[in-house]
PDB file of N, CA and C in Angstrom:
ATOM      1  N   MET A   1       0.865  -1.464   0.046  1.00  0.00           N
ATOM      2  CA  MET A   1      -0.379   0.346  -0.135  1.00  0.00           C
ATOM      3  C   MET A   1       1.002   1.050  -0.148  1.00  0.00           C
ATOM      4  N   LYS A   2       0.557   2.240  -0.775  1.00  0.00           N
ATOM      5  CA  LYS A   2       1.389   3.468  -0.956  1.00  0.00           C
ATOM      6  C   LYS A   2       0.406   4.495   0.112  1.00  0.00           C
ATOM      7  N   VAL A   3       1.492   4.954   0.461  1.00  0.00           N
ATOM      8  CA  VAL A   3       0.608   6.017   1.914  1.00  0.00           C
ATOM      9  C   VAL A   3       1.727   7.184   1.536  1.00  0.00           C
ATOM     10  N   TRP A   4       1.019   8.570   1.694  1.00  0.00           N
ATOM     11  CA  TRP A   4       1.722   9.586   1.307  1.00  0.00           C
ATOM     12  C   TRP A   4       1.780  10.372   2.944  1.00  0.00           C
ATOM     13  N   GLY A   5       2.633  11.285   3.055  1.00  0.00           N
ATOM     14  CA  GLY A   5       2.578  12.092   4.539  1.00  0.00           C
ATOM     15  C   GLY A   5       3.460  13.108   4.291  1.00  0.00           C
ATOM     16  N   HIS A   6       3.268  13.872   5.890  1.00  0.00           N
ATOM     17  CA  HIS A   6       4.248  14.988   5.900  1.00  0.00           C
ATOM     18  C   HIS A   6       4.448  15.240   7.313  1.00  0.00           C
ATOM     19  N   SER A   7       5.631  15.704   8.058  1.00  0.00           N
ATOM     20  CA  SER A   7       5.525  16.016   9.151  1.00  0.00           C
ATOM     21  C   SER A   7       6.029  17.305   9.517  1.00  0.00           C
ATOM     22  N   SER A   8       5.762  17.717  10.850  1.00  0.00           N
ATOM     23  CA  SER A   8       5.746  19.045  11.035  1.00  0.00           C
ATOM     24  C   SER A   8       6.413  19.548  12.518  1.00  0.00           C
ATOM     25  N   GLU A   9       7.448  19.715  12.920  1.00  0.00           N
ATOM     26  CA  GLU A   9       8.054  20.355  14.168  1.00  0.00           C
ATOM     27  C   GLU A   9       8.359  21.635  14.608  1.00  0.00           C
ATOM     28  N   VAL A  10       7.434  21.815  16.052  1.00  0.00           N
ATOM     29  CA  VAL A  10       8.463  23.166  16.466  1.00  0.00           C
ATOM     30  C   VAL A  10       8.854  22.576  17.955  1.00  0.00           C
ATOM     31  N   PRO A  11       9.689  23.067  18.556  1.00  0.00           N
ATOM     32  CA  PRO A  11      10.137  22.632  19.807  1.00  0.00           C
ATOM     33  C   PRO A  11       9.253  22.145  20.721  1.00  0.00           C
ATOM     34  N   GLY A  12       9.602  20.688  20.868  1.00  0.00           N
ATOM     35  CA  GLY A  12       8.643  20.157  21.610  1.00  0.00           C
ATOM     36  C   GLY A  12       7.714  19.496  21.009  1.00  0.00           C
ATOM     37  N   SER A  13       7.322  19.543  19.901  1.00  0.00           N
ATOM     38  CA  SER A  13       5.858  18.807  19.409  1.00  0.00           C
ATOM     39  C   SER A  13       6.303  18.667  17.919  1.00  0.00           C
ATOM     40  N   LEU A  14       5.805  17.365  17.891  1.00  0.00           N
ATOM     41  CA  LEU A  14       6.104  16.900  16.123  1.00  0.00           C
ATOM     42  C   LEU A  14       4.751  16.502  15.987  1.00  0.00           C
ATOM     43  N   THR A  15       3.825  16.953  14.943  1.00  0.00           N
ATOM     44  CA  THR A  15       2.956  16.265  14.361  1.00  0.00           C
ATOM     45  C   THR A  15       3.197  15.723  12.716  1.00  0.00           C
ATOM     46  N   ARG A  16       2.165  14.609  12.349  1.00  0.00           N
ATOM     47  CA  ARG A  16       2.885  13.696  11.336  1.00  0.00           C
ATOM     48  C   ARG A  16       1.131  13.283  10.915  1.00  0.00           C
ATOM     49  N   THR A  17       1.083  13.464   9.230  1.00  0.00           N
ATOM     50  CA  THR A  17       0.109  13.130   9.062  1.00  0.00           C
ATOM     51  C   THR A  17       0.322  11.958   7.668  1.00  0.00           C
ATOM     52  N   ALA A  18      -0.553  11.182   7.412  1.00  0.00           N
ATOM     53  CA  ALA A  18      -0.140   9.962   6.427  1.00  0.00           C
ATOM     54  C   ALA A  18      -1.824   9.742   6.021  1.00  0.00           C
ATOM     55  N   ALA A  19      -1.598   9.739   4.545  1.00  0.00           N
ATOM     56  CA  ALA A  19      -2.673   9.097   3.934  1.00  0.00           C
ATOM     57  C   ALA A  19      -2.781   8.268   2.832  1.00  0.00           C
ATOM     58  N   THR A  20      -3.815   7.268   2.482  1.00  0.00           N
ATOM     59  CA  THR A  20      -3.615   6.465   1.145  1.00  0.00           C
ATOM     60  C   THR A  20      -3.832   7.370   0.147  1.00  0.00           C
ATOM     61  N   THR A  21      -3.184   6.861  -1.215  1.00  0.00           N
ATOM     62  CA  THR A  21      -3.575   7.942  -2.342  1.00  0.00           C
ATOM     63  C   THR A  21      -4.547   8.419  -2.589  1.00  0.00           C
ATOM     64  N   ASP A  22      -5.867   7.702  -2.156  1.00  0.00           N
ATOM     65  CA  ASP A  22      -7.170   8.126  -2.548  1.00  0.00           C
ATOM     66  C   ASP A  22      -7.549   9.331  -1.368  1.00  0.00           C
ATOM     67  N   GLY A  23      -7.050   9.599  -0.810  1.00  0.00           N
ATOM     68  CA  GLY A  23      -7.391  10.118   0.277  1.00  0.00           C
ATOM     69  C   GLY A  23      -8.666   9.395   1.562  1.00  0.00           C
ATOM     70  N   GLU A  24      -8.922   8.521   1.100  1.00  0.00           N
ATOM     71  CA  GLU A  24      -9.989   7.823   2.052  1.00  0.00           C
ATOM     72  C   GLU A  24      -9.538   7.153   3.205  1.00  0.00           C
ATOM     73  N   HIS A  25      -8.445   7.010   3.602  1.00  0.00           N
ATOM     74  CA  HIS A  25      -7.749   6.790   4.723  1.00  0.00           C
ATOM     75  C   HIS A  25      -6.708   7.943   5.388  1.00  0.00           C
ATOM     76  N   VAL A  26      -7.046   8.403   6.313  1.00  0.00           N
ATOM     77  CA  VAL A  26      -6.154   9.778   6.927  1.00  0.00           C
ATOM     78  C   VAL A  26      -6.004   9.336   8.282  1.00  0.00           C
ATOM     79  N   PHE A  27      -4.763   9.760   8.872  1.00  0.00           N
ATOM     80  CA  PHE A  27      -4.169   9.532  10.011  1.00  0.00           C
ATOM     81  C   PHE A  27      -3.016  10.831  10.442  1.00  0.00           C
ATOM     82  N   THR A  28      -3.493  11.096  11.533  1.00  0.00           N
ATOM     83  CA  THR A  28      -2.738  12.081  12.431  1.00  0.00           C
ATOM     84  C   THR A  28      -2.273  11.917  13.609  1.00  0.00           C
ATOM     85  N   LEU A  29      -0.680  12.017  13.711  1.00  0.00           N
ATOM     86  CA  LEU A  29      -0.699  11.830  15.217  1.00  0.00           C
ATOM     87  C   LEU A  29       0.311  12.958  15.998  1.00  0.00           C
ATOM     88  N   ASN A  30       0.434  13.306  16.832  1.00  0.00           N
ATOM     89  CA  ASN A  30       1.331  14.314  17.498  1.00  0.00           C
ATOM     90  C   ASN A  30       2.025  13.482  18.629  1.00  0.00           C
ATOM     91  N   ARG A  31       3.156  13.569  18.899  1.00  0.00           N
ATOM     92  CA  ARG A  31       3.973  13.408  20.035  1.00  0.00           C
ATOM     93  C   ARG A  31       4.843  14.451  20.358  1.00  0.00           C
ATOM     94  N   ASN A  32       5.216  14.196  21.832  1.00  0.00           N
ATOM     95  CA  ASN A  32       6.547  15.256  22.486  1.00  0.00           C
ATOM     96  C   ASN A  32       7.639  14.843  21.693  1.00  0.00           C
ATOM     97  N   SER A  33       8.406  15.556  20.988  1.00  0.00           N
ATOM     98  CA  SER A  33       9.888  15.374  20.368  1.00  0.00           C
ATOM     99  C   SER A  33      10.618  15.673  21.129  1.00  0.00           C
ATOM    100  N   ASP A  34      10.646  15.875  22.346  1.00  0.00           N
ATOM    101  CA  ASP A  34      11.823  16.389  23.196  1.00  0.00           C
ATOM    102  C   ASP A  34      12.140  14.835  23.705  1.00  0.00           C
ATOM    103  N   TRP A  35      11.168  13.996  24.009  1.00  0.00           N
ATOM    104  CA  TRP A  35      11.659  12.820  24.335  1.00  0.00           C
ATOM    105  C   TRP A  35      10.761  11.650  23.781  1.00  0.00           C
ATOM    106  N   GLY A  36       9.806  11.529  22.755  1.00  0.00           N
ATOM    107  CA  GLY A  36       9.175  10.821  22.334  1.00  0.00           C
ATOM    108  C   GLY A  36      10.078  10.129  21.320  1.00  0.00           C
ATOM    109  N   ASP A  37       9.486   8.641  21.148  1.00  0.00           N
ATOM    110  CA  ASP A  37      10.496   7.814  20.642  1.00  0.00           C
ATOM    111  C   ASP A  37      10.137   7.763  19.091  1.00  0.00           C
ATOM    112  N   PRO A  38      11.006   8.487  18.126  1.00  0.00           N
ATOM    113  CA  PRO A  38      10.524   8.337  16.743  1.00  0.00           C
ATOM    114  C   PRO A  38      10.156   6.750  16.134  1.00  0.00           C
ATOM    115  N   ALA A  39      10.993   5.799  17.174  1.00  0.00           N
ATOM    116  CA  ALA A  39      10.372   4.359  16.421  1.00  0.00           C
ATOM    117  C   ALA A  39       8.801   4.192  16.486  1.00  0.00           C
ATOM    118  N   LEU A  40       8.430   4.550  17.720  1.00  0.00           N
ATOM    119  CA  LEU A  40       7.107   4.322  17.995  1.00  0.00           C
ATOM    120  C   LEU A  40       6.251   4.916  17.119  1.00  0.00           C
ATOM    121  N   GLU A  41       6.518   6.244  16.656  1.00  0.00           N
ATOM    122  CA  GLU A  41       5.828   7.101  15.906  1.00  0.00           C
ATOM    123  C   GLU A  41       5.724   6.054  14.427  1.00  0.00           C
ATOM    124  N   GLN A  42       6.719   5.654  13.973  1.00  0.00           N
ATOM    125  CA  GLN A  42       6.743   4.682  12.751  1.00  0.00           C
ATOM    126  C   GLN A  42       5.877   3.798  12.906  1.00  0.00           C
ATOM    127  N   ALA A  43       5.934   2.994  13.975  1.00  0.00           N
ATOM    128  CA  ALA A  43       5.234   2.032  14.398  1.00  0.00           C
ATOM    129  C   ALA A  43       4.046   2.177  14.237  1.00  0.00           C
ATOM    130  N   ALA A  44       3.330   3.480  14.919  1.00  0.00           N
ATOM    131  CA  ALA A  44       1.841   3.279  14.870  1.00  0.00           C
ATOM    132  C   ALA A  44       1.516   3.584  13.398  1.00  0.00           C
ATOM    133  N   VAL A  45       2.385   4.368  12.673  1.00  0.00           N
ATOM    134  CA  VAL A  45       1.863   4.889  11.140  1.00  0.00           C
ATOM    135  C   VAL A  45       1.637   3.105  10.477  1.00  0.00           C
ATOM    136  N   GLU A  46       2.494   2.249  10.739  1.00  0.00           N
ATOM    137  CA  GLU A  46       2.370   1.320  10.047  1.00  0.00           C
ATOM    138  C   GLU A  46       1.376   0.305  10.667  1.00  0.00           C
ATOM    139  N   ALA A  47       1.102   0.229  12.019  1.00  0.00           N
ATOM    140  CA  ALA A  47      -0.223  -0.232  12.453  1.00  0.00           C
ATOM    141  C   ALA A  47      -1.258   0.050  11.857  1.00  0.00           C
ATOM    142  N   GLU A  48      -1.493   1.225  11.582  1.00  0.00           N
ATOM    143  CA  GLU A  48      -2.687   1.929  10.905  1.00  0.00           C
ATOM    144  C   GLU A  48      -3.302   1.481   9.694  1.00  0.00           C
ATOM    145  N   PHE A  49      -1.956   1.582   8.665  1.00  0.00           N
ATOM    146  CA  PHE A  49      -2.193   1.328   7.317  1.00  0.00           C
ATOM    147  C   PHE A  49      -1.686  -0.251   6.925  1.00  0.00           C
ATOM    148  N   CYS A  50      -0.790  -0.880   7.652  1.00  0.00           N
ATOM    149  CA  CYS A  50      -0.500  -2.381   7.291  1.00  0.00           C
ATOM    150  C   CYS A  50      -1.123  -3.297   8.465  1.00  0.00           C
ATOM    151  N   GLY A  51      -1.454  -2.993   9.651  1.00  0.00           N
ATOM    152  CA  GLY A  51      -1.848  -4.208  10.758  1.00  0.00           C
ATOM    153  C   GLY A  51      -3.271  -4.588  10.519  1.00  0.00           C
TER     154      GLY A  51
END
């Protein structure tokens, strides 16, 4: 499955949105970028679209 996305970060906060190419399935998450684990962020996206 192809998923398109974008992320943006300001000090202390990261937001990431991903969507299928047809726009029918969209997922947005926010994490504390000071101590949040980037691997868990990617795992959440994969679980949403591949799990």
